[in-house]
C-alpha atoms as a PDB file:
ATOM      1  CA  THR A   1       0.000   0.000   0.000  1.00  0.00           C
ATOM      2  CA  MET A   2       0.982   3.640  -0.214  1.00  0.00           C
ATOM      3  CA  ALA A   3       1.259   3.771   3.577  1.00  0.00           C
ATOM      4  CA  ASN A   4       3.688   0.849   3.698  1.00  0.00           C
ATOM      5  CA  LEU A   5       5.805   2.422   0.984  1.00  0.00           C
ATOM      6  CA  ILE A   6       5.986   5.703   2.911  1.00  0.00           C
ATOM      7  CA  LYS A   7       6.799   3.795   6.108  1.00  0.00           C
ATOM      8  CA  LYS A   8       9.724   2.036   4.417  1.00  0.00           C
ATOM      9  CA  LEU A   9      11.110   5.226   2.921  1.00  0.00           C
ATOM     10  CA  ASP A  10      10.850   7.628   5.844  1.00  0.00           C
ATOM     11  CA  SER A  11       9.332   7.021   9.281  1.00  0.00           C
ATOM     12  CA  GLU A  12       9.003  10.759   9.968  1.00  0.00           C
ATOM     13  CA  ILE A  13       6.937  11.381   6.833  1.00  0.00           C
ATOM     14  CA  TYR A  14       4.878   8.297   7.674  1.00  0.00           C
ATOM     15  CA  SER A  15       4.209   9.721  11.152  1.00  0.00           C
ATOM     16  CA  GLN A  16       2.827  12.918   9.632  1.00  0.00           C
ATOM     17  CA  TYR A  17       0.801  10.958   7.073  1.00  0.00           C
ATOM     18  CA  SER A  18      -0.687   8.695   9.770  1.00  0.00           C
ATOM     19  CA  MET A  19      -1.724  11.642  11.904  1.00  0.00           C
ATOM     20  CA  GLU A  20      -3.439  13.283   8.957  1.00  0.00           C
ATOM     21  CA  LYS A  21      -5.437  10.112   8.292  1.00  0.00           C
ATOM     22  CA  TYR A  22      -6.138   9.705  11.988  1.00  0.00           C
ATOM     23  CA  ARG A  23      -7.544  13.200  12.329  1.00  0.00           C
ATOM     24  CA  ASP A  24      -9.633  12.772   9.164  1.00  0.00           C
ATOM     25  CA  GLY A  25     -11.252   9.668  10.579  1.00  0.00           C
ATOM     26  CA  ALA A  26      -9.695   7.362   7.994  1.00  0.00           C
ATOM     27  CA  TYR A  27      -7.433   5.572  10.438  1.00  0.00           C
ATOM     28  CA  ALA A  28      -8.644   1.970  10.806  1.00  0.00           C
ATOM     29  CA  LYS A  29      -8.396   0.360  14.243  1.00  0.00           C
ATOM     30  CA  ASN A  30      -6.325  -2.569  12.975  1.00  0.00           C
ATOM     31  CA  ASN A  31      -4.038  -0.290  10.922  1.00  0.00           C
ATOM     32  CA  LYS A  32      -4.498  -2.494   7.819  1.00  0.00           C
ATOM     33  CA  HIS A  33      -6.417  -0.047   5.648  1.00  0.00           C
ATOM     34  CA  ILE A  34      -4.180   2.993   5.879  1.00  0.00           C
ATOM     35  CA  GLY A  35      -3.201   4.226   2.455  1.00  0.00           C
ATOM     36  CA  THR A  36      -5.772   2.330   0.397  1.00  0.00           C
ATOM     37  CA  GLU A  37      -7.126   5.670  -0.766  1.00  0.00           C
ATOM     38  CA  LYS A  38      -5.170   8.294  -2.630  1.00  0.00           C
ATOM     39  CA  PRO A  39      -3.646  10.535   0.051  1.00  0.00           C
ATOM     40  CA  ASP A  40      -3.861  14.292  -0.047  1.00  0.00           C
ATOM     41  CA  PHE A  41      -0.756  14.480   2.091  1.00  0.00           C
ATOM     42  CA  GLN A  42       2.007  16.881   1.080  1.00  0.00           C
ATOM     43  CA  PHE A  43       5.360  15.083   1.038  1.00  0.00           C
ATOM     44  CA  GLU A  44       7.736  17.526   2.642  1.00  0.00           C
ATOM     45  CA  LYS A  45      10.748  16.580   4.709  1.00  0.00           C
ATOM     46  CA  PRO A  46       9.585  17.194   8.285  1.00  0.00           C
ATOM     47  CA  VAL A  47      11.396  19.603  10.558  1.00  0.00           C
ATOM     48  CA  PHE A  48      11.069  19.711  14.311  1.00  0.00           C
ATOM     49  CA  LYS A  49       8.568  22.480  14.685  1.00  0.00           C
ATOM     50  CA  LYS A  50       5.979  22.413  17.445  1.00  0.00           C
ATOM     51  CA  ARG A  51       4.516  18.935  17.108  1.00  0.00           C
ATOM     52  CA  LYS A  52       0.846  18.030  16.862  1.00  0.00           C
ATOM     53  CA  GLU A  53       1.057  14.483  18.221  1.00  0.00           C
ATOM     54  CA  LEU A  54      -0.514  15.453  21.532  1.00  0.00           C
ATOM     55  CA  GLU A  55      -3.641  16.689  19.743  1.00  0.00           C
ATOM     56  CA  LEU A  56      -4.584  13.014  19.443  1.00  0.00           C
ATOM     57  CA  LEU A  57      -4.894  12.707  23.230  1.00  0.00           C
ATOM     58  CA  LYS A  58      -6.869  14.197  26.106  1.00  0.00           C
ATOM     59  CA  LYS A  59      -5.215  16.191  28.846  1.00  0.00           C
ATOM     60  CA  ILE A  60      -5.523  14.868  32.385  1.00  0.00           C
ATOM     61  CA  SER A  61      -7.233  18.132  33.338  1.00  0.00           C
ATOM     62  CA  GLU A  62      -9.995  17.299  30.821  1.00  0.00           C
ATOM     63  CA  LEU A  63     -10.802  13.936  32.412  1.00  0.00           C
ATOM     64  CA  SER A  64     -13.341  13.241  35.144  1.00  0.00           C
ATOM     65  CA  ASP A  65     -12.056  12.438  38.630  1.00  0.00           C
ATOM     66  CA  ASP A  66     -13.187   8.809  38.322  1.00  0.00           C
ATOM     67  CA  HIS A  67     -11.129   8.222  35.153  1.00  0.00           C
ATOM     68  CA  ILE A  68      -8.306   5.702  35.610  1.00  0.00           C
ATOM     69  CA  ALA A  69      -5.610   8.172  34.512  1.00  0.00           C
ATOM     70  CA  LYS A  70      -6.992  11.032  36.611  1.00  0.00           C
ATOM     71  CA  GLN A  71      -7.198   8.714  39.619  1.00  0.00           C
ATOM     72  CA  PHE A  72      -3.541   7.767  39.176  1.00  0.00           C
ATOM     73  CA  VAL A  73      -2.464  11.416  39.012  1.00  0.00           C
ATOM     74  CA  LEU A  74      -4.546  12.293  42.081  1.00  0.00           C
ATOM     75  CA  MET A  75      -3.301   9.236  43.950  1.00  0.00           C
ATOM     76  CA  ARG A  76       0.336  10.218  43.296  1.00  0.00           C
ATOM     77  CA  LYS A  77      -0.501  13.782  44.448  1.00  0.00           C
ATOM     78  CA  ILE A  78       0.993  15.279  41.301  1.00  0.00           C
ATOM     79  CA  PRO A  79       0.655  19.098  41.575  1.00  0.00           C
ATOM     80  CA  LYS A  80      -2.465  20.440  39.874  1.00  0.00           C
ATOM     81  CA  GLU A  81      -0.477  22.801  37.641  1.00  0.00           C
ATOM     82  CA  TYR A  82       0.840  19.733  35.799  1.00  0.00           C
ATOM     83  CA  HIS A  83      -2.589  18.223  35.084  1.00  0.00           C
ATOM     84  CA  GLY A  84      -2.905  20.289  31.914  1.00  0.00           C
ATOM     85  CA  GLU A  85       0.536  19.156  30.752  1.00  0.00           C
ATOM     86  CA  LEU A  86      -0.008  15.413  31.147  1.00  0.00           C
ATOM     87  CA  TYR A  87      -2.043  13.266  28.759  1.00  0.00           C
ATOM     88  CA  TYR A  88      -3.851   9.943  28.565  1.00  0.00           C
ATOM     89  CA  ALA A  89      -3.427   7.295  25.871  1.00  0.00           C
ATOM     90  CA  ASP A  90      -6.160   4.663  25.859  1.00  0.00           C
ATOM     91  CA  ASP A  91      -4.089   2.540  23.449  1.00  0.00           C
ATOM     92  CA  PHE A  92      -0.375   3.232  23.827  1.00  0.00           C
ATOM     93  CA  ARG A  93       0.685   1.063  20.907  1.00  0.00           C
ATOM     94  CA  GLU A  94      -1.710   2.842  18.568  1.00  0.00           C
ATOM     95  CA  PHE A  95      -0.480   6.242  19.747  1.00  0.00           C
ATOM     96  CA  VAL A  96       3.149   5.260  19.130  1.00  0.00           C
ATOM     97  CA  GLU A  97       2.181   3.886  15.721  1.00  0.00           C
ATOM     98  CA  ASN A  98       0.935   7.351  14.820  1.00  0.00           C
ATOM     99  CA  THR A  99       3.974   9.210  16.140  1.00  0.00           C
ATOM    100  CA  ARG A 100       6.976   6.892  15.846  1.00  0.00           C
ATOM    101  CA  PRO A 101       5.801   3.786  13.924  1.00  0.00           C
ATOM    102  CA  ASP A 102       9.209   2.117  13.886  1.00  0.00           C
ATOM    103  CA  LYS A 103       9.032   1.867  17.704  1.00  0.00           C
ATOM    104  CA  SER A 104       5.559   0.369  18.011  1.00  0.00           C
ATOM    105  CA  GLU A 105       6.040  -3.233  16.918  1.00  0.00           C
ATOM    106  CA  ASN A 106       6.679  -4.853  20.314  1.00  0.00           C
ATOM    107  CA  LEU A 107       4.420  -2.636  22.399  1.00  0.00           C
ATOM    108  CA  LYS A 108       1.139  -3.570  24.062  1.00  0.00           C
ATOM    109  CA  ASN A 109      -2.263  -1.956  23.561  1.00  0.00           C
ATOM    110  CA  ASP A 110      -2.319  -0.791  27.175  1.00  0.00           C
ATOM    111  CA  LYS A 111      -3.506   2.378  28.901  1.00  0.00           C
ATOM    112  CA  ARG A 112      -0.748   4.828  29.835  1.00  0.00           C
ATOM    113  CA  LEU A 113      -0.137   8.264  31.251  1.00  0.00           C
ATOM    114  CA  ILE A 114       1.767  10.325  28.672  1.00  0.00           C
ATOM    115  CA  ILE A 115       4.497  12.653  29.951  1.00  0.00           C
ATOM    116  CA  PRO A 116       5.721  14.975  27.138  1.00  0.00           C
ATOM    117  CA  PHE A 117       9.340  16.148  26.906  1.00  0.00           C
ATOM    118  CA  PHE A 118       9.834  19.672  25.538  1.00  0.00           C
ATOM    119  CA  ASP A 119      13.140  21.387  24.832  1.00  0.00           C
ATOM    120  CA  GLU A 120      14.145  24.967  25.654  1.00  0.00           C
ATOM    121  CA  ASN A 121      12.075  26.203  22.691  1.00  0.00           C
ATOM    122  CA  LYS A 122       9.016  24.292  23.943  1.00  0.00           C
ATOM    123  CA  GLU A 123       9.212  21.856  21.034  1.00  0.00           C
ATOM    124  CA  LEU A 124       8.196  18.256  21.692  1.00  0.00           C
ATOM    125  CA  PHE A 125      11.120  15.873  21.187  1.00  0.00           C
ATOM    126  CA  ALA A 126      10.083  12.823  23.234  1.00  0.00           C
ATOM    127  CA  TYR A 127       7.407  11.431  25.504  1.00  0.00           C
ATOM    128  CA  GLN A 128       7.211   8.834  28.225  1.00  0.00           C
ATOM    129  CA  GLY A 129       4.378   6.368  28.721  1.00  0.00           C
ATOM    130  CA  ARG A 130       3.771   5.430  32.352  1.00  0.00           C
ATOM    131  CA  ALA A 131       1.772   2.214  32.794  1.00  0.00           C
ATOM    132  CA  LEU A 132      -1.466   2.598  34.747  1.00  0.00           C
ATOM    133  CA  ASN A 133      -1.613  -1.134  35.414  1.00  0.00           C
ATOM    134  CA  SER A 134       0.570  -1.879  38.447  1.00  0.00           C
ATOM    135  CA  LYS A 135       1.269  -5.406  37.123  1.00  0.00           C
ATOM    136  CA  GLU A 136       2.808  -4.122  33.889  1.00  0.00           C
ATOM    137  CA  GLN A 137       6.486  -5.161  33.726  1.00  0.00           C
ATOM    138  CA  MET A 138       7.566  -2.229  31.565  1.00  0.00           C
ATOM    139  CA  ARG A 139       6.369   0.547  33.863  1.00  0.00           C
ATOM    140  CA  TYR A 140       8.011   3.331  31.856  1.00  0.00           C
ATOM    141  CA  ILE A 141       8.527   3.444  28.086  1.00  0.00           C
ATOM    142  CA  THR A 142      10.250   6.461  26.556  1.00  0.00           C
ATOM    143  CA  ILE A 143       9.762   7.244  22.862  1.00  0.00           C
ATOM    144  CA  ILE A 144      12.284   9.608  21.268  1.00  0.00           C
ATOM    145  CA  LEU A 145      11.077  11.771  18.386  1.00  0.00           C
ATOM    146  CA  ASN A 146      14.380  13.577  17.888  1.00  0.00           C
ATOM    147  CA  GLU A 147      17.436  11.380  18.383  1.00  0.00           C
ATOM    148  CA  ASN A 148      19.684  14.447  18.643  1.00  0.00           C
ATOM    149  CA  LYS A 149      18.197  15.377  21.997  1.00  0.00           C
ATOM    150  CA  GLN A 150      19.176  14.051  25.428  1.00  0.00           C
ATOM    151  CA  LYS A 151      16.329  12.417  27.321  1.00  0.00           C
ATOM    152  CA  ILE A 152      15.895  15.278  29.785  1.00  0.00           C
ATOM    153  CA  TYR A 153      12.433  16.201  31.041  1.00  0.00           C
ATOM    154  CA  GLY A 154      11.595  19.754  32.106  1.00  0.00           C
ATOM    155  CA  LEU A 155      13.913  21.820  29.913  1.00  0.00           C
ATOM    156  CA  ASP A 156      11.007  24.050  28.890  1.00  0.00           C
ATOM    157  CA  LYS A 157      10.546  25.169  32.511  1.00  0.00           C
ATOM    158  CA  LEU A 158      14.206  25.355  33.504  1.00  0.00           C
ATOM    159  CA  ASP A 159      15.748  28.676  34.556  1.00  0.00           C
ATOM    160  CA  PRO A 160      19.491  28.282  33.804  1.00  0.00           C
ATOM    161  CA  ASN A 161      20.287  31.312  35.954  1.00  0.00           C
ATOM    162  CA  LYS A 162      19.088  29.537  39.102  1.00  0.00           C
ATOM    163  CA  HIS A 163      20.401  26.456  40.861  1.00  0.00           C
ATOM    164  CA  ILE A 164      19.437  23.324  38.911  1.00  0.00           C
ATOM    165  CA  TYR A 165      18.242  20.061  40.429  1.00  0.00           C
ATOM    166  CA  VAL A 166      18.211  16.750  38.558  1.00  0.00           C
ATOM    167  CA  THR A 167      16.120  13.717  39.537  1.00  0.00           C
ATOM    168  CA  GLU A 168      15.804  10.266  38.006  1.00  0.00           C
ATOM    169  CA  GLY A 169      12.120  10.438  37.072  1.00  0.00           C
ATOM    170  CA  PRO A 170       9.854  13.205  35.716  1.00  0.00           C
ATOM    171  CA  ILE A 171       7.210  12.774  38.425  1.00  0.00           C
ATOM    172  CA  ASP A 172       9.784  13.350  41.193  1.00  0.00           C
ATOM    173  CA  SER A 173      10.957  16.533  39.454  1.00  0.00           C
ATOM    174  CA  MET A 174       7.443  17.996  39.660  1.00  0.00           C
ATOM    175  CA  PHE A 175       7.818  18.465  43.421  1.00  0.00           C
ATOM    176  CA  ILE A 176      11.150  20.352  43.334  1.00  0.00           C
ATOM    177  CA  ASP A 177      11.758  23.937  42.186  1.00  0.00           C
ATOM    178  CA  ASN A 178      13.794  24.399  38.981  1.00  0.00           C
ATOM    179  CA  CYS A 179      14.195  20.671  38.516  1.00  0.00           C
ATOM    180  CA  VAL A 180      14.674  18.456  35.470  1.00  0.00           C
ATOM    181  CA  ALA A 181      14.733  14.677  35.156  1.00  0.00           C
ATOM    182  CA  TYR A 182      16.756  12.244  33.153  1.00  0.00           C
ATOM    183  CA  ALA A 183      14.435   9.564  31.782  1.00  0.00           C
ATOM    184  CA  GLY A 184      16.801   6.678  32.349  1.00  0.00           C
ATOM    185  CA  SER A 185      19.168   5.328  34.959  1.00  0.00           C
ATOM    186  CA  THR A 186      22.386   7.096  33.952  1.00  0.00           C
ATOM    187  CA  LEU A 187      22.170  10.561  35.471  1.00  0.00           C
ATOM    188  CA  SER A 188      25.955  10.841  35.383  1.00  0.00           C
ATOM    189  CA  LYS A 189      25.737  11.298  31.585  1.00  0.00           C
ATOM    190  CA  VAL A 190      23.785  14.536  31.941  1.00  0.00           C
ATOM    191  CA  ASP A 191      26.115  17.436  31.240  1.00  0.00           C
ATOM    192  CA  PHE A 192      25.704  20.819  32.923  1.00  0.00           C
ATOM    193  CA  SER A 193      28.703  23.091  32.560  1.00  0.00           C
ATOM    194  CA  ASP A 194      28.585  24.712  36.016  1.00  0.00           C
ATOM    195  CA  THR A 195      29.065  21.920  38.551  1.00  0.00           C
ATOM    196  CA  ASP A 196      28.509  24.328  41.464  1.00  0.00           C
ATOM    197  CA  LYS A 197      25.003  25.209  40.238  1.00  0.00           C
ATOM    198  CA  CYS A 198      23.738  21.653  39.736  1.00  0.00           C
ATOM    199  CA  THR A 199      22.619  19.090  42.332  1.00  0.00           C
ATOM    200  CA  PHE A 200      21.830  15.486  41.432  1.00  0.00           C
ATOM    201  CA  ILE A 201      19.086  13.780  43.446  1.00  0.00           C
ATOM    202  CA  TYR A 202      19.217  10.007  43.172  1.00  0.00           C
ATOM    203  CA  ASP A 203      16.670   7.575  44.556  1.00  0.00           C
ATOM    204  CA  ASN A 204      17.224   6.352  48.104  1.00  0.00           C
ATOM    205  CA  GLU A 205      18.409   2.845  47.178  1.00  0.00           C
ATOM    206  CA  ARG A 206      21.709   2.083  48.868  1.00  0.00           C
ATOM    207  CA  ARG A 207      21.571  -1.604  47.950  1.00  0.00           C
ATOM    208  CA  ASN A 208      21.407  -0.865  44.223  1.00  0.00           C
ATOM    209  CA  LYS A 209      25.003  -1.457  43.074  1.00  0.00           C
ATOM    210  CA  GLU A 210      24.496   0.174  39.680  1.00  0.00           C
ATOM    211  CA  LEU A 211      23.034   3.261  41.320  1.00  0.00           C
ATOM    212  CA  LEU A 212      25.988   3.469  43.706  1.00  0.00           C
ATOM    213  CA  LYS A 213      28.352   3.475  40.729  1.00  0.00           C
ATOM    214  CA  GLN A 214      26.417   6.338  39.163  1.00  0.00           C
ATOM    215  CA  ILE A 215      26.503   8.394  42.359  1.00  0.00           C
ATOM    216  CA  GLU A 216      30.237   7.840  42.685  1.00  0.00           C
ATOM    217  CA  LYS A 217      30.819   8.885  39.082  1.00  0.00           C
ATOM    218  CA  THR A 218      28.705  12.019  39.538  1.00  0.00           C
ATOM    219  CA  ILE A 219      30.782  12.946  42.605  1.00  0.00           C
ATOM    220  CA  ASP A 220      33.995  12.339  40.645  1.00  0.00           C
ATOM    221  CA  ASN A 221      32.691  14.645  37.914  1.00  0.00           C
ATOM    222  CA  GLY A 222      32.505  17.455  40.463  1.00  0.00           C
ATOM    223  CA  TYR A 223      28.732  17.760  40.844  1.00  0.00           C
ATOM    224  CA  LYS A 224      26.782  18.115  44.066  1.00  0.00           C
ATOM    225  CA  VAL A 225      24.784  15.064  45.158  1.00  0.00           C
ATOM    226  CA  VAL A 226      22.102  14.429  47.754  1.00  0.00           C
ATOM    227  CA  LEU A 227      22.834  11.590  50.176  1.00  0.00           C
ATOM    228  CA  TRP A 228      19.582  10.965  52.003  1.00  0.00           C
ATOM    229  CA  PRO A 229      19.793  10.821  55.828  1.00  0.00           C
ATOM    230  CA  ASP A 230      19.290   7.518  57.622  1.00  0.00           C
ATOM    231  CA  ASP A 231      15.808   8.413  58.887  1.00  0.00           C
ATOM    232  CA  ILE A 232      14.456   8.684  55.329  1.00  0.00           C
ATOM    233  CA  LYS A 233      13.001   5.288  54.447  1.00  0.00           C
ATOM    234  CA  GLU A 234      11.085   6.202  51.291  1.00  0.00           C
ATOM    235  CA  LYS A 235      12.532   5.247  47.911  1.00  0.00           C
ATOM    236  CA  ASP A 236      12.031   8.543  46.105  1.00  0.00           C
ATOM    237  CA  ILE A 237      10.593  12.054  46.364  1.00  0.00           C
ATOM    238  CA  ASN A 238       7.081  11.059  45.309  1.00  0.00           C
ATOM    239  CA  ASP A 239       6.987   8.393  48.032  1.00  0.00           C
ATOM    240  CA  MET A 240       8.071  11.051  50.540  1.00  0.00           C
ATOM    241  CA  ILE A 241       5.150  13.224  49.460  1.00  0.00           C
ATOM    242  CA  LEU A 242       2.788  10.271  49.834  1.00  0.00           C
ATOM    243  CA  SER A 243       4.151   9.579  53.325  1.00  0.00           C
ATOM    244  CA  GLY A 244       3.043  13.056  54.421  1.00  0.00           C
ATOM    245  CA  LYS A 245       6.126  15.215  53.901  1.00  0.00           C
ATOM    246  CA  THR A 246       5.585  18.593  52.288  1.00  0.00           C
ATOM    247  CA  LYS A 247       7.473  20.061  49.356  1.00  0.00           C
ATOM    248  CA  ASP A 248       9.169  22.594  51.667  1.00  0.00           C
ATOM    249  CA  GLN A 249      10.224  19.857  54.087  1.00  0.00           C
ATOM    250  CA  ILE A 250      11.753  17.787  51.285  1.00  0.00           C
ATOM    251  CA  GLN A 251      13.611  20.768  49.833  1.00  0.00           C
ATOM    252  CA  THR A 252      15.016  21.494  53.313  1.00  0.00           C
ATOM    253  CA  ILE A 253      16.173  17.876  53.644  1.00  0.00           C
ATOM    254  CA  ILE A 254      17.825  18.157  50.217  1.00  0.00           C
ATOM    255  CA  LYS A 255      19.562  21.405  51.178  1.00  0.00           C
ATOM    256  CA  ASN A 256      20.880  19.947  54.445  1.00  0.00           C
ATOM    257  CA  ASN A 257      22.152  16.731  52.857  1.00  0.00           C
ATOM    258  CA  THR A 258      23.918  17.983  49.750  1.00  0.00           C
ATOM    259  CA  TYR A 259      27.624  17.220  49.379  1.00  0.00           C
ATOM    260  CA  GLN A 260      30.361  17.983  46.874  1.00  0.00           C
ATOM    261  CA  GLY A 261      34.037  17.223  46.287  1.00  0.00           C
ATOM    262  CA  ASN A 262      36.096  15.550  49.037  1.00  0.00           C
ATOM    263  CA  MET A 263      33.281  15.985  51.564  1.00  0.00           C
ATOM    264  CA  ALA A 264      30.961  14.064  49.221  1.00  0.00           C
ATOM    265  CA  LYS A 265      33.531  11.282  48.790  1.00  0.00           C
ATOM    266  CA  MET A 266      33.986  10.880  52.540  1.00  0.00           C
ATOM    267  CA  LYS A 267      30.258  10.976  53.263  1.00  0.00           C
ATOM    268  CA  PHE A 268      29.494   8.572  50.418  1.00  0.00           C
ATOM    269  CA  ALA A 269      32.051   6.033  51.727  1.00  0.00           C
ATOM    270  CA  THR A 270      30.090   5.657  54.974  1.00  0.00           C
ATOM    271  CA  TRP A 271      26.604   6.323  53.518  1.00  0.00           C
ATOM    272  CA  ARG A 272      26.782   3.412  51.098  1.00  0.00           C
ATOM    273  CA  LYS A 273      27.539   0.927  53.893  1.00  0.00           C
ATOM    274  CA  VAL A 274      24.455   1.717  55.956  1.00  0.00           C
ATOM    275  CA  ASN A 275      21.731  -0.916  55.615  1.00  0.00           C
ATOM    276  CA  VAL A 276      18.284   0.638  55.370  1.00  0.00           C
END
């Protein structure tokens, strides 16, 4: 079919073509009939302007309180100002098929919270699907739309003139001022030129050997790191919020437990040996 030909030649053009058909109501549920009609699509090499992928979805703020996605957001106590920036995909595989078809083959048709990633110019370059089913093995799936971008969430809100905080996950970053998140497990790869103005906040998992290596590397690179005190039992910032701690309390804990340089190395040597 025409659609399959386009898909083979250029996945970006196919993404635009699929969205056009989807919006026109010609997108078949089983994806088998796309392109059987003569398309009125203009074949231009796509550039990364402000993307329209999210127009296919509903914002969390538009959903009723009893909706599965809205319930998840409320349950996790995600700040209300983010409800209009998060989306719901009833069929994640279908959504990926319409935005990055070459990444959809092995995905499930499950329900997911969609967390968009925008760059400094507020252009969409990636999104993360968070499973709403607690039994789903792949809890987070990140789809990159522009391979030239690092997987950093929150760049559109970041003030580079203020102190920068970096967490592992986007949801954790929503509770900290001027915070971004690296959508993966290798925070040490994130590059900020001024090491004195950047603090890395890792999850509170001292038994995770891979995480310990990352913390050590971040310290060696000269950045500030948070080493959670022994009385903090929660795994991450969102869990701390759910346990009853306020945003101000958590930011105070972060401020009082931030280390850098030789002090960080000495503190880390004892911190990592404490069983929690």
